[in-house]
Amino acid sequence: MSIPFETDNALEYRSHSVHQYIRSHREWGTIHFTSSSGAGYFTLLAEHQGIECLNATFIVGLDILPKSTIQILESGNPQHLVTDLSILKLDFMQQKSIEYAVSENKKKKKKK
């Protein structure tokens, strides 16, 4: 499946495509995502909201600083305002993916 990266919603499209693929492979016991792509966001969001129950352990690799942080560091100005919407969306998806993975894994650990 090709992903239309030129669209404004490429991040969401990629994450939704990954979610649809994972839904068709429910036998997986461990699912790995990298935080930098935001690809796991919709899968983890559905799990967090109780829409899905994959009975999998989620691992989100912290492979890069959020792009907004990199942009601020490169500017040399801690007051630098990031205005690029795609960077802000990706940062949000990264942060929430990490948060949801930790939250869901804790819930599943308590049930055992």
PDB file of N, CA and C in Angstrom:
ATOM      1  N   MET A   1       0.845  -1.163   0.000  1.00  0.00           N
ATOM      2  CA  MET A   1       0.000   0.000   0.000  1.00  0.00           C
ATOM      3  C   MET A   1       0.893   1.231   0.000  1.00  0.00           C
ATOM      4  N   SER A   2       0.702   2.121  -0.941  1.00  0.00           N
ATOM      5  CA  SER A   2       1.512   3.338  -0.953  1.00  0.00           C
ATOM      6  C   SER A   2       0.825   4.410  -0.114  1.00  0.00           C
ATOM      7  N   ILE A   3       1.639   5.187   0.549  1.00  0.00           N
ATOM      8  CA  ILE A   3       1.125   6.225   1.425  1.00  0.00           C
ATOM      9  C   ILE A   3       1.369   7.573   0.763  1.00  0.00           C
ATOM     10  N   PRO A   4       0.310   8.368   0.611  1.00  0.00           N
ATOM     11  CA  PRO A   4       0.462   9.670  -0.054  1.00  0.00           C
ATOM     12  C   PRO A   4       1.146  10.684   0.857  1.00  0.00           C
ATOM     13  N   PHE A   5       2.489  10.667   0.879  1.00  0.00           N
ATOM     14  CA  PHE A   5       3.231  11.519   1.801  1.00  0.00           C
ATOM     15  C   PHE A   5       3.095  13.001   1.491  1.00  0.00           C
ATOM     16  N   GLU A   6       2.599  13.337   0.319  1.00  0.00           N
ATOM     17  CA  GLU A   6       2.489  14.750  -0.023  1.00  0.00           C
ATOM     18  C   GLU A   6       1.248  15.399   0.594  1.00  0.00           C
ATOM     19  N   THR A   7       0.380  14.627   1.209  1.00  0.00           N
ATOM     20  CA  THR A   7      -0.833  15.196   1.797  1.00  0.00           C
ATOM     21  C   THR A   7      -0.553  15.753   3.181  1.00  0.00           C
ATOM     22  N   ASP A   8      -1.441  16.616   3.653  1.00  0.00           N
ATOM     23  CA  ASP A   8      -1.323  17.191   4.987  1.00  0.00           C
ATOM     24  C   ASP A   8      -1.572  16.156   6.073  1.00  0.00           C
ATOM     25  N   ASN A   9      -2.217  15.061   5.713  1.00  0.00           N
ATOM     26  CA  ASN A   9      -2.575  14.037   6.696  1.00  0.00           C
ATOM     27  C   ASN A   9      -1.757  12.760   6.550  1.00  0.00           C
ATOM     28  N   ALA A  10      -0.551  12.864   6.049  1.00  0.00           N
ATOM     29  CA  ALA A  10       0.271  11.674   5.820  1.00  0.00           C
ATOM     30  C   ALA A  10       0.570  10.928   7.109  1.00  0.00           C
ATOM     31  N   LEU A  11       0.816  11.650   8.200  1.00  0.00           N
ATOM     32  CA  LEU A  11       1.114  10.997   9.483  1.00  0.00           C
ATOM     33  C   LEU A  11      -0.083  10.178   9.950  1.00  0.00           C
ATOM     34  N   GLU A  12      -1.269  10.785   9.873  1.00  0.00           N
ATOM     35  CA  GLU A  12      -2.477  10.098  10.298  1.00  0.00           C
ATOM     36  C   GLU A  12      -2.781   8.908   9.385  1.00  0.00           C
ATOM     37  N   TYR A  13      -2.560   9.087   8.093  1.00  0.00           N
ATOM     38  CA  TYR A  13      -2.812   8.024   7.127  1.00  0.00           C
ATOM     39  C   TYR A  13      -1.905   6.824   7.418  1.00  0.00           C
ATOM     40  N   ARG A  14      -0.626   7.093   7.678  1.00  0.00           N
ATOM     41  CA  ARG A  14       0.325   6.020   7.971  1.00  0.00           C
ATOM     42  C   ARG A  14      -0.087   5.287   9.245  1.00  0.00           C
ATOM     43  N   SER A  15      -0.407   6.031  10.290  1.00  0.00           N
ATOM     44  CA  SER A  15      -0.776   5.425  11.557  1.00  0.00           C
ATOM     45  C   SER A  15      -2.061   4.598  11.424  1.00  0.00           C
ATOM     46  N   HIS A  16      -3.016   5.090  10.665  1.00  0.00           N
ATOM     47  CA  HIS A  16      -4.263   4.351  10.448  1.00  0.00           C
ATOM     48  C   HIS A  16      -4.001   3.074   9.649  1.00  0.00           C
ATOM     49  N   SER A  17      -3.147   3.152   8.653  1.00  0.00           N
ATOM     50  CA  SER A  17      -2.810   1.965   7.850  1.00  0.00           C
ATOM     51  C   SER A  17      -2.132   0.905   8.707  1.00  0.00           C
ATOM     52  N   VAL A  18      -1.242   1.329   9.587  1.00  0.00           N
ATOM     53  CA  VAL A  18      -0.575   0.394  10.501  1.00  0.00           C
ATOM     54  C   VAL A  18      -1.606  -0.249  11.421  1.00  0.00           C
ATOM     55  N   HIS A  19      -2.528   0.562  11.935  1.00  0.00           N
ATOM     56  CA  HIS A  19      -3.576   0.038  12.824  1.00  0.00           C
ATOM     57  C   HIS A  19      -4.426  -1.016  12.115  1.00  0.00           C
ATOM     58  N   GLN A  20      -4.817  -0.745  10.884  1.00  0.00           N
ATOM     59  CA  GLN A  20      -5.617  -1.703  10.125  1.00  0.00           C
ATOM     60  C   GLN A  20      -4.848  -3.006   9.898  1.00  0.00           C
ATOM     61  N   TYR A  21      -3.557  -2.896   9.620  1.00  0.00           N
ATOM     62  CA  TYR A  21      -2.736  -4.083   9.406  1.00  0.00           C
ATOM     63  C   TYR A  21      -2.633  -4.912  10.686  1.00  0.00           C
ATOM     64  N   ILE A  22      -2.396  -4.248  11.797  1.00  0.00           N
ATOM     65  CA  ILE A  22      -2.265  -4.953  13.081  1.00  0.00           C
ATOM     66  C   ILE A  22      -3.573  -5.626  13.468  1.00  0.00           C
ATOM     67  N   ARG A  23      -4.691  -4.987  13.190  1.00  0.00           N
ATOM     68  CA  ARG A  23      -6.001  -5.588  13.496  1.00  0.00           C
ATOM     69  C   ARG A  23      -6.185  -6.920  12.767  1.00  0.00           C
ATOM     70  N   SER A  24      -5.565  -7.060  11.620  1.00  0.00           N
ATOM     71  CA  SER A  24      -5.700  -8.306  10.861  1.00  0.00           C
ATOM     72  C   SER A  24      -4.673  -9.363  11.286  1.00  0.00           C
ATOM     73  N   HIS A  25      -3.809  -9.019  12.247  1.00  0.00           N
ATOM     74  CA  HIS A  25      -2.785  -9.946  12.756  1.00  0.00           C
ATOM     75  C   HIS A  25      -2.837  -9.970  14.275  1.00  0.00           C
ATOM     76  N   ARG A  26      -3.952 -10.353  14.824  1.00  0.00           N
ATOM     77  CA  ARG A  26      -4.178 -10.320  16.268  1.00  0.00           C
ATOM     78  C   ARG A  26      -3.354 -11.350  17.041  1.00  0.00           C
ATOM     79  N   GLU A  27      -2.680 -12.248  16.353  1.00  0.00           N
ATOM     80  CA  GLU A  27      -1.938 -13.303  17.040  1.00  0.00           C
ATOM     81  C   GLU A  27      -0.619 -12.813  17.626  1.00  0.00           C
ATOM     82  N   TRP A  28      -0.206 -11.615  17.311  1.00  0.00           N
ATOM     83  CA  TRP A  28       1.072 -11.123  17.794  1.00  0.00           C
ATOM     84  C   TRP A  28       1.021 -10.853  19.295  1.00  0.00           C
ATOM     85  N   GLY A  29       2.032 -11.305  20.014  1.00  0.00           N
ATOM     86  CA  GLY A  29       2.092 -11.102  21.461  1.00  0.00           C
ATOM     87  C   GLY A  29       2.839  -9.842  21.858  1.00  0.00           C
ATOM     88  N   THR A  30       3.740  -9.400  20.999  1.00  0.00           N
ATOM     89  CA  THR A  30       4.501  -8.184  21.251  1.00  0.00           C
ATOM     90  C   THR A  30       4.522  -7.355  19.979  1.00  0.00           C
ATOM     91  N   ILE A  31       4.242  -6.066  20.130  1.00  0.00           N
ATOM     92  CA  ILE A  31       4.213  -5.161  18.981  1.00  0.00           C
ATOM     93  C   ILE A  31       5.184  -4.023  19.254  1.00  0.00           C
ATOM     94  N   HIS A  32       6.122  -3.821  18.329  1.00  0.00           N
ATOM     95  CA  HIS A  32       7.142  -2.778  18.467  1.00  0.00           C
ATOM     96  C   HIS A  32       6.815  -1.606  17.542  1.00  0.00           C
ATOM     97  N   PHE A  33       6.979  -0.411  18.065  1.00  0.00           N
ATOM     98  CA  PHE A  33       6.874   0.813  17.275  1.00  0.00           C
ATOM     99  C   PHE A  33       8.081   1.677  17.593  1.00  0.00           C
ATOM    100  N   THR A  34       8.444   2.549  16.671  1.00  0.00           N
ATOM    101  CA  THR A  34       9.410   3.589  16.993  1.00  0.00           C
ATOM    102  C   THR A  34       8.620   4.856  17.286  1.00  0.00           C
ATOM    103  N   SER A  35       9.107   5.659  18.191  1.00  0.00           N
ATOM    104  CA  SER A  35       8.373   6.878  18.533  1.00  0.00           C
ATOM    105  C   SER A  35       8.485   7.929  17.430  1.00  0.00           C
ATOM    106  N   SER A  36       9.562   7.899  16.663  1.00  0.00           N
ATOM    107  CA  SER A  36       9.817   8.975  15.703  1.00  0.00           C
ATOM    108  C   SER A  36       8.812   9.049  14.559  1.00  0.00           C
ATOM    109  N   SER A  37       8.168   7.946  14.220  1.00  0.00           N
ATOM    110  CA  SER A  37       7.261   7.959  13.078  1.00  0.00           C
ATOM    111  C   SER A  37       5.818   8.247  13.451  1.00  0.00           C
ATOM    112  N   GLY A  38       5.452   8.021  14.695  1.00  0.00           N
ATOM    113  CA  GLY A  38       4.056   8.183  15.101  1.00  0.00           C
ATOM    114  C   GLY A  38       3.155   7.088  14.557  1.00  0.00           C
ATOM    115  N   ALA A  39       3.748   6.044  13.959  1.00  0.00           N
ATOM    116  CA  ALA A  39       2.967   4.999  13.286  1.00  0.00           C
ATOM    117  C   ALA A  39       2.086   4.200  14.240  1.00  0.00           C
ATOM    118  N   GLY A  40       2.453   4.117  15.495  1.00  0.00           N
ATOM    119  CA  GLY A  40       1.674   3.333  16.447  1.00  0.00           C
ATOM    120  C   GLY A  40       0.557   4.093  17.122  1.00  0.00           C
ATOM    121  N   TYR A  41       0.417   5.369  16.807  1.00  0.00           N
ATOM    122  CA  TYR A  41      -0.517   6.221  17.538  1.00  0.00           C
ATOM    123  C   TYR A  41      -1.950   5.684  17.546  1.00  0.00           C
ATOM    124  N   PHE A  42      -2.548   5.400  16.394  1.00  0.00           N
ATOM    125  CA  PHE A  42      -3.955   4.985  16.372  1.00  0.00           C
ATOM    126  C   PHE A  42      -4.165   3.606  16.994  1.00  0.00           C
ATOM    127  N   THR A  43      -3.199   2.714  16.851  1.00  0.00           N
ATOM    128  CA  THR A  43      -3.296   1.397  17.492  1.00  0.00           C
ATOM    129  C   THR A  43      -3.311   1.563  19.006  1.00  0.00           C
ATOM    130  N   LEU A  44      -2.397   2.363  19.506  1.00  0.00           N
ATOM    131  CA  LEU A  44      -2.309   2.573  20.952  1.00  0.00           C
ATOM    132  C   LEU A  44      -3.483   3.386  21.477  1.00  0.00           C
ATOM    133  N   LEU A  45      -3.967   4.331  20.693  1.00  0.00           N
ATOM    134  CA  LEU A  45      -5.140   5.114  21.095  1.00  0.00           C
ATOM    135  C   LEU A  45      -6.369   4.219  21.212  1.00  0.00           C
ATOM    136  N   ALA A  46      -6.589   3.346  20.231  1.00  0.00           N
ATOM    137  CA  ALA A  46      -7.733   2.430  20.272  1.00  0.00           C
ATOM    138  C   ALA A  46      -7.649   1.503  21.471  1.00  0.00           C
ATOM    139  N   GLU A  47      -6.466   1.039  21.767  1.00  0.00           N
ATOM    140  CA  GLU A  47      -6.251   0.169  22.926  1.00  0.00           C
ATOM    141  C   GLU A  47      -6.522   0.947  24.214  1.00  0.00           C
ATOM    142  N   HIS A  48      -6.018   2.155  24.281  1.00  0.00           N
ATOM    143  CA  HIS A  48      -6.181   3.003  25.469  1.00  0.00           C
ATOM    144  C   HIS A  48      -7.662   3.337  25.723  1.00  0.00           C
ATOM    145  N   GLN A  49      -8.401   3.570  24.653  1.00  0.00           N
ATOM    146  CA  GLN A  49      -9.818   3.923  24.785  1.00  0.00           C
ATOM    147  C   GLN A  49     -10.719   2.706  24.970  1.00  0.00           C
ATOM    148  N   GLY A  50     -10.145   1.517  24.892  1.00  0.00           N
ATOM    149  CA  GLY A  50     -10.936   0.306  25.062  1.00  0.00           C
ATOM    150  C   GLY A  50     -11.673  -0.135  23.810  1.00  0.00           C
ATOM    151  N   ILE A  51     -11.374   0.470  22.691  1.00  0.00           N
ATOM    152  CA  ILE A  51     -12.008   0.104  21.419  1.00  0.00           C
ATOM    153  C   ILE A  51     -11.439  -1.215  20.915  1.00  0.00           C
ATOM    154  N   GLU A  52     -10.165  -1.433  21.144  1.00  0.00           N
ATOM    155  CA  GLU A  52      -9.470  -2.659  20.753  1.00  0.00           C
ATOM    156  C   GLU A  52      -8.938  -3.355  21.998  1.00  0.00           C
ATOM    157  N   CYS A  53      -8.793  -4.649  21.899  1.00  0.00           N
ATOM    158  CA  CYS A  53      -8.117  -5.407  22.952  1.00  0.00           C
ATOM    159  C   CYS A  53      -7.255  -6.448  22.257  1.00  0.00           C
ATOM    160  N   LEU A  54      -6.003  -6.105  22.036  1.00  0.00           N
ATOM    161  CA  LEU A  54      -5.115  -6.963  21.261  1.00  0.00           C
ATOM    162  C   LEU A  54      -4.365  -7.979  22.115  1.00  0.00           C
ATOM    163  N   ASN A  55      -4.429  -7.846  23.428  1.00  0.00           N
ATOM    164  CA  ASN A  55      -3.704  -8.746  24.328  1.00  0.00           C
ATOM    165  C   ASN A  55      -2.231  -8.842  23.957  1.00  0.00           C
ATOM    166  N   ALA A  56      -1.665  -7.724  23.562  1.00  0.00           N
ATOM    167  CA  ALA A  56      -0.251  -7.683  23.183  1.00  0.00           C
ATOM    168  C   ALA A  56       0.491  -6.744  24.118  1.00  0.00           C
ATOM    169  N   THR A  57       1.782  -6.962  24.223  1.00  0.00           N
ATOM    170  CA  THR A  57       2.647  -6.028  24.924  1.00  0.00           C
ATOM    171  C   THR A  57       3.158  -5.049  23.886  1.00  0.00           C
ATOM    172  N   PHE A  58       3.112  -3.762  24.208  1.00  0.00           N
ATOM    173  CA  PHE A  58       3.556  -2.731  23.275  1.00  0.00           C
ATOM    174  C   PHE A  58       4.913  -2.201  23.706  1.00  0.00           C
ATOM    175  N   ILE A  59       5.809  -2.112  22.745  1.00  0.00           N
ATOM    176  CA  ILE A  59       7.136  -1.557  22.991  1.00  0.00           C
ATOM    177  C   ILE A  59       7.319  -0.388  22.031  1.00  0.00           C
ATOM    178  N   VAL A  60       7.562   0.777  22.603  1.00  0.00           N
ATOM    179  CA  VAL A  60       7.789   1.970  21.796  1.00  0.00           C
ATOM    180  C   VAL A  60       9.234   2.387  22.008  1.00  0.00           C
ATOM    181  N   GLY A  61      10.008   2.291  20.950  1.00  0.00           N
ATOM    182  CA  GLY A  61      11.424   2.666  21.021  1.00  0.00           C
ATOM    183  C   GLY A  61      11.580   4.178  20.976  1.00  0.00           C
ATOM    184  N   LEU A  62      12.316   4.699  21.927  1.00  0.00           N
ATOM    185  CA  LEU A  62      12.579   6.140  21.975  1.00  0.00           C
ATOM    186  C   LEU A  62      13.834   6.406  21.165  1.00  0.00           C
ATOM    187  N   ASP A  63      13.651   6.615  19.889  1.00  0.00           N
ATOM    188  CA  ASP A  63      14.782   6.650  18.975  1.00  0.00           C
ATOM    189  C   ASP A  63      15.258   8.042  18.581  1.00  0.00           C
ATOM    190  N   ILE A  64      14.507   9.081  18.951  1.00  0.00           N
ATOM    191  CA  ILE A  64      14.889  10.432  18.531  1.00  0.00           C
ATOM    192  C   ILE A  64      14.161  11.445  19.406  1.00  0.00           C
ATOM    193  N   LEU A  65      14.764  12.603  19.557  1.00  0.00           N
ATOM    194  CA  LEU A  65      14.083  13.691  20.254  1.00  0.00           C
ATOM    195  C   LEU A  65      12.914  14.170  19.399  1.00  0.00           C
ATOM    196  N   PRO A  66      11.870  14.706  20.012  1.00  0.00           N
ATOM    197  CA  PRO A  66      10.789  15.292  19.212  1.00  0.00           C
ATOM    198  C   PRO A  66      11.338  16.390  18.298  1.00  0.00           C
ATOM    199  N   LYS A  67      10.787  16.483  17.098  1.00  0.00           N
ATOM    200  CA  LYS A  67      11.301  17.450  16.124  1.00  0.00           C
ATOM    201  C   LYS A  67      11.211  18.885  16.624  1.00  0.00           C
ATOM    202  N   SER A  68      10.184  19.189  17.409  1.00  0.00           N
ATOM    203  CA  SER A  68      10.083  20.558  17.936  1.00  0.00           C
ATOM    204  C   SER A  68      11.249  20.857  18.869  1.00  0.00           C
ATOM    205  N   THR A  69      11.667  19.873  19.661  1.00  0.00           N
ATOM    206  CA  THR A  69      12.804  20.058  20.566  1.00  0.00           C
ATOM    207  C   THR A  69      14.083  20.270  19.760  1.00  0.00           C
ATOM    208  N   ILE A  70      14.255  19.495  18.705  1.00  0.00           N
ATOM    209  CA  ILE A  70      15.436  19.649  17.846  1.00  0.00           C
ATOM    210  C   ILE A  70      15.454  21.042  17.225  1.00  0.00           C
ATOM    211  N   GLN A  71      14.290  21.492  16.758  1.00  0.00           N
ATOM    212  CA  GLN A  71      14.209  22.815  16.133  1.00  0.00           C
ATOM    213  C   GLN A  71      14.561  23.920  17.140  1.00  0.00           C
ATOM    214  N   ILE A  72      14.083  23.777  18.367  1.00  0.00           N
ATOM    215  CA  ILE A  72      14.394  24.769  19.412  1.00  0.00           C
ATOM    216  C   ILE A  72      15.885  24.750  19.731  1.00  0.00           C
ATOM    217  N   LEU A  73      16.458  23.544  19.868  1.00  0.00           N
ATOM    218  CA  LEU A  73      17.887  23.435  20.162  1.00  0.00           C
ATOM    219  C   LEU A  73      18.733  24.021  19.036  1.00  0.00           C
ATOM    220  N   GLU A  74      18.335  23.751  17.789  1.00  0.00           N
ATOM    221  CA  GLU A  74      19.101  24.269  16.650  1.00  0.00           C
ATOM    222  C   GLU A  74      19.015  25.787  16.541  1.00  0.00           C
ATOM    223  N   SER A  75      17.896  26.357  16.985  1.00  0.00           N
ATOM    224  CA  SER A  75      17.739  27.813  16.900  1.00  0.00           C
ATOM    225  C   SER A  75      18.604  28.526  17.933  1.00  0.00           C
ATOM    226  N   GLY A  76      18.960  27.808  19.008  1.00  0.00           N
ATOM    227  CA  GLY A  76      19.740  28.425  20.070  1.00  0.00           C
ATOM    228  C   GLY A  76      18.918  29.342  20.957  1.00  0.00           C
ATOM    229  N   ASN A  77      17.622  29.372  20.729  1.00  0.00           N
ATOM    230  CA  ASN A  77      16.734  30.241  21.484  1.00  0.00           C
ATOM    231  C   ASN A  77      15.682  29.394  22.201  1.00  0.00           C
ATOM    232  N   PRO A  78      15.748  29.295  23.538  1.00  0.00           N
ATOM    233  CA  PRO A  78      14.775  28.469  24.259  1.00  0.00           C
ATOM    234  C   PRO A  78      13.344  29.002  24.151  1.00  0.00           C
ATOM    235  N   GLN A  79      13.187  30.245  23.697  1.00  0.00           N
ATOM    236  CA  GLN A  79      11.855  30.840  23.520  1.00  0.00           C
ATOM    237  C   GLN A  79      11.332  30.665  22.092  1.00  0.00           C
ATOM    238  N   HIS A  80      12.086  29.954  21.264  1.00  0.00           N
ATOM    239  CA  HIS A  80      11.706  29.739  19.862  1.00  0.00           C
ATOM    240  C   HIS A  80      10.323  29.101  19.787  1.00  0.00           C
ATOM    241  N   LEU A  81       9.468  29.637  18.946  1.00  0.00           N
ATOM    242  CA  LEU A  81       8.109  29.132  18.785  1.00  0.00           C
ATOM    243  C   LEU A  81       8.026  28.262  17.534  1.00  0.00           C
ATOM    244  N   VAL A  82       7.654  27.005  17.707  1.00  0.00           N
ATOM    245  CA  VAL A  82       7.511  26.084  16.582  1.00  0.00           C
ATOM    246  C   VAL A  82       6.122  26.294  15.986  1.00  0.00           C
ATOM    247  N   THR A  83       6.071  26.610  14.704  1.00  0.00           N
ATOM    248  CA  THR A  83       4.791  26.905  14.056  1.00  0.00           C
ATOM    249  C   THR A  83       4.423  25.911  12.956  1.00  0.00           C
ATOM    250  N   ASP A  84       5.310  24.992  12.645  1.00  0.00           N
ATOM    251  CA  ASP A  84       5.046  24.006  11.594  1.00  0.00           C
ATOM    252  C   ASP A  84       4.063  22.964  12.131  1.00  0.00           C
ATOM    253  N   LEU A  85       2.857  22.941  11.574  1.00  0.00           N
ATOM    254  CA  LEU A  85       1.795  22.059  12.059  1.00  0.00           C
ATOM    255  C   LEU A  85       2.179  20.586  11.968  1.00  0.00           C
ATOM    256  N   SER A  86       2.882  20.185  10.910  1.00  0.00           N
ATOM    257  CA  SER A  86       3.259  18.771  10.778  1.00  0.00           C
ATOM    258  C   SER A  86       4.228  18.356  11.889  1.00  0.00           C
ATOM    259  N   ILE A  87       5.115  19.250  12.302  1.00  0.00           N
ATOM    260  CA  ILE A  87       6.037  18.946  13.399  1.00  0.00           C
ATOM    261  C   ILE A  87       5.268  18.824  14.705  1.00  0.00           C
ATOM    262  N   LEU A  88       4.325  19.720  14.923  1.00  0.00           N
ATOM    263  CA  LEU A  88       3.536  19.673  16.154  1.00  0.00           C
ATOM    264  C   LEU A  88       2.657  18.427  16.216  1.00  0.00           C
ATOM    265  N   LYS A  89       2.074  18.032  15.075  1.00  0.00           N
ATOM    266  CA  LYS A  89       1.258  16.805  15.040  1.00  0.00           C
ATOM    267  C   LYS A  89       2.114  15.582  15.345  1.00  0.00           C
ATOM    268  N   LEU A  90       3.292  15.505  14.726  1.00  0.00           N
ATOM    269  CA  LEU A  90       4.174  14.363  14.959  1.00  0.00           C
ATOM    270  C   LEU A  90       4.620  14.314  16.415  1.00  0.00           C
ATOM    271  N   ASP A  91       4.958  15.455  16.985  1.00  0.00           N
ATOM    272  CA  ASP A  91       5.347  15.494  18.400  1.00  0.00           C
ATOM    273  C   ASP A  91       4.219  14.959  19.280  1.00  0.00           C
ATOM    274  N   PHE A  92       3.003  15.386  19.012  1.00  0.00           N
ATOM    275  CA  PHE A  92       1.849  14.930  19.794  1.00  0.00           C
ATOM    276  C   PHE A  92       1.688  13.419  19.669  1.00  0.00           C
ATOM    277  N   MET A  93       1.759  12.911  18.438  1.00  0.00           N
ATOM    278  CA  MET A  93       1.593  11.476  18.208  1.00  0.00           C
ATOM    279  C   MET A  93       2.709  10.679  18.894  1.00  0.00           C
ATOM    280  N   GLN A  94       3.939  11.202  18.869  1.00  0.00           N
ATOM    281  CA  GLN A  94       5.051  10.537  19.547  1.00  0.00           C
ATOM    282  C   GLN A  94       4.802  10.463  21.046  1.00  0.00           C
ATOM    283  N   GLN A  95       4.487  11.598  21.645  1.00  0.00           N
ATOM    284  CA  GLN A  95       4.306  11.669  23.094  1.00  0.00           C
ATOM    285  C   GLN A  95       3.149  10.796  23.554  1.00  0.00           C
ATOM    286  N   LYS A  96       2.036  10.846  22.848  1.00  0.00           N
ATOM    287  CA  LYS A  96       0.875  10.048  23.240  1.00  0.00           C
ATOM    288  C   LYS A  96       1.119   8.554  23.029  1.00  0.00           C
ATOM    289  N   SER A  97       1.847   8.190  21.992  1.00  0.00           N
ATOM    290  CA  SER A  97       2.170   6.779  21.763  1.00  0.00           C
ATOM    291  C   SER A  97       2.958   6.219  22.937  1.00  0.00           C
ATOM    292  N   ILE A  98       3.922   6.978  23.403  1.00  0.00           N
ATOM    293  CA  ILE A  98       4.716   6.543  24.553  1.00  0.00           C
ATOM    294  C   ILE A  98       3.832   6.440  25.791  1.00  0.00           C
ATOM    295  N   GLU A  99       3.035   7.475  26.033  1.00  0.00           N
ATOM    296  CA  GLU A  99       2.151   7.494  27.199  1.00  0.00           C
ATOM    297  C   GLU A  99       1.174   6.320  27.180  1.00  0.00           C
ATOM    298  N   TYR A 100       0.537   6.084  26.038  1.00  0.00           N
ATOM    299  CA  TYR A 100      -0.459   5.013  25.937  1.00  0.00           C
ATOM    300  C   TYR A 100       0.181   3.636  26.066  1.00  0.00           C
ATOM    301  N   ALA A 101       1.366   3.448  25.509  1.00  0.00           N
ATOM    302  CA  ALA A 101       2.045   2.148  25.622  1.00  0.00           C
ATOM    303  C   ALA A 101       2.352   1.836  27.074  1.00  0.00           C
ATOM    304  N   VAL A 102       2.867   2.808  27.788  1.00  0.00           N
ATOM    305  CA  VAL A 102       3.178   2.604  29.210  1.00  0.00           C
ATOM    306  C   VAL A 102       1.897   2.301  29.980  1.00  0.00           C
ATOM    307  N   SER A 103       0.858   3.082  29.730  1.00  0.00           N
ATOM    308  CA  SER A 103      -0.417   2.911  30.425  1.00  0.00           C
ATOM    309  C   SER A 103      -1.038   1.536  30.168  1.00  0.00           C
ATOM    310  N   GLU A 104      -1.074   1.114  28.911  1.00  0.00           N
ATOM    311  CA  GLU A 104      -1.696  -0.176  28.566  1.00  0.00           C
ATOM    312  C   GLU A 104      -0.897  -1.343  29.111  1.00  0.00           C
ATOM    313  N   ASN A 105       0.423  -1.250  29.046  1.00  0.00           N
ATOM    314  CA  ASN A 105       1.257  -2.338  29.578  1.00  0.00           C
ATOM    315  C   ASN A 105       1.089  -2.464  31.092  1.00  0.00           C
ATOM    316  N   LYS A 106       0.934  -1.340  31.801  1.00  0.00           N
ATOM    317  CA  LYS A 106       0.695  -1.380  33.240  1.00  0.00           C
ATOM    318  C   LYS A 106      -0.647  -2.045  33.544  1.00  0.00           C
ATOM    319  N   LYS A 107      -1.683  -1.702  32.774  1.00  0.00           N
ATOM    320  CA  LYS A 107      -3.008  -2.300  32.982  1.00  0.00           C
ATOM    321  C   LYS A 107      -2.957  -3.817  32.803  1.00  0.00           C
ATOM    322  N   LYS A 108      -2.275  -4.256  31.761  1.00  0.00           N
ATOM    323  CA  LYS A 108      -2.194  -5.688  31.468  1.00  0.00           C
ATOM    324  C   LYS A 108      -1.367  -6.414  32.521  1.00  0.00           C
ATOM    325  N   LYS A 109      -0.362  -5.748  33.047  1.00  0.00           N
ATOM    326  CA  LYS A 109       0.472  -6.357  34.090  1.00  0.00           C
ATOM    327  C   LYS A 109      -0.337  -6.547  35.372  1.00  0.00           C
ATOM    328  N   LYS A 110      -1.210  -5.589  35.702  1.00  0.00           N
ATOM    329  CA  LYS A 110      -2.053  -5.689  36.894  1.00  0.00           C
ATOM    330  C   LYS A 110      -3.050  -6.838  36.791  1.00  0.00           C
ATOM    331  N   LYS A 111      -3.537  -7.108  35.578  1.00  0.00           N
ATOM    332  CA  LYS A 111      -4.526  -8.178  35.368  1.00  0.00           C
ATOM    333  C   LYS A 111      -3.932  -9.558  35.572  1.00  0.00           C
ATOM    334  N   LYS A 112      -2.628  -9.693  35.389  1.00  0.00           N
ATOM    335  CA  LYS A 112      -1.973 -11.012  35.491  1.00  0.00           C
ATOM    336  C   LYS A 112      -1.771 -11.447  36.889  1.00  0.00           C
TER     337      LYS A 112
END
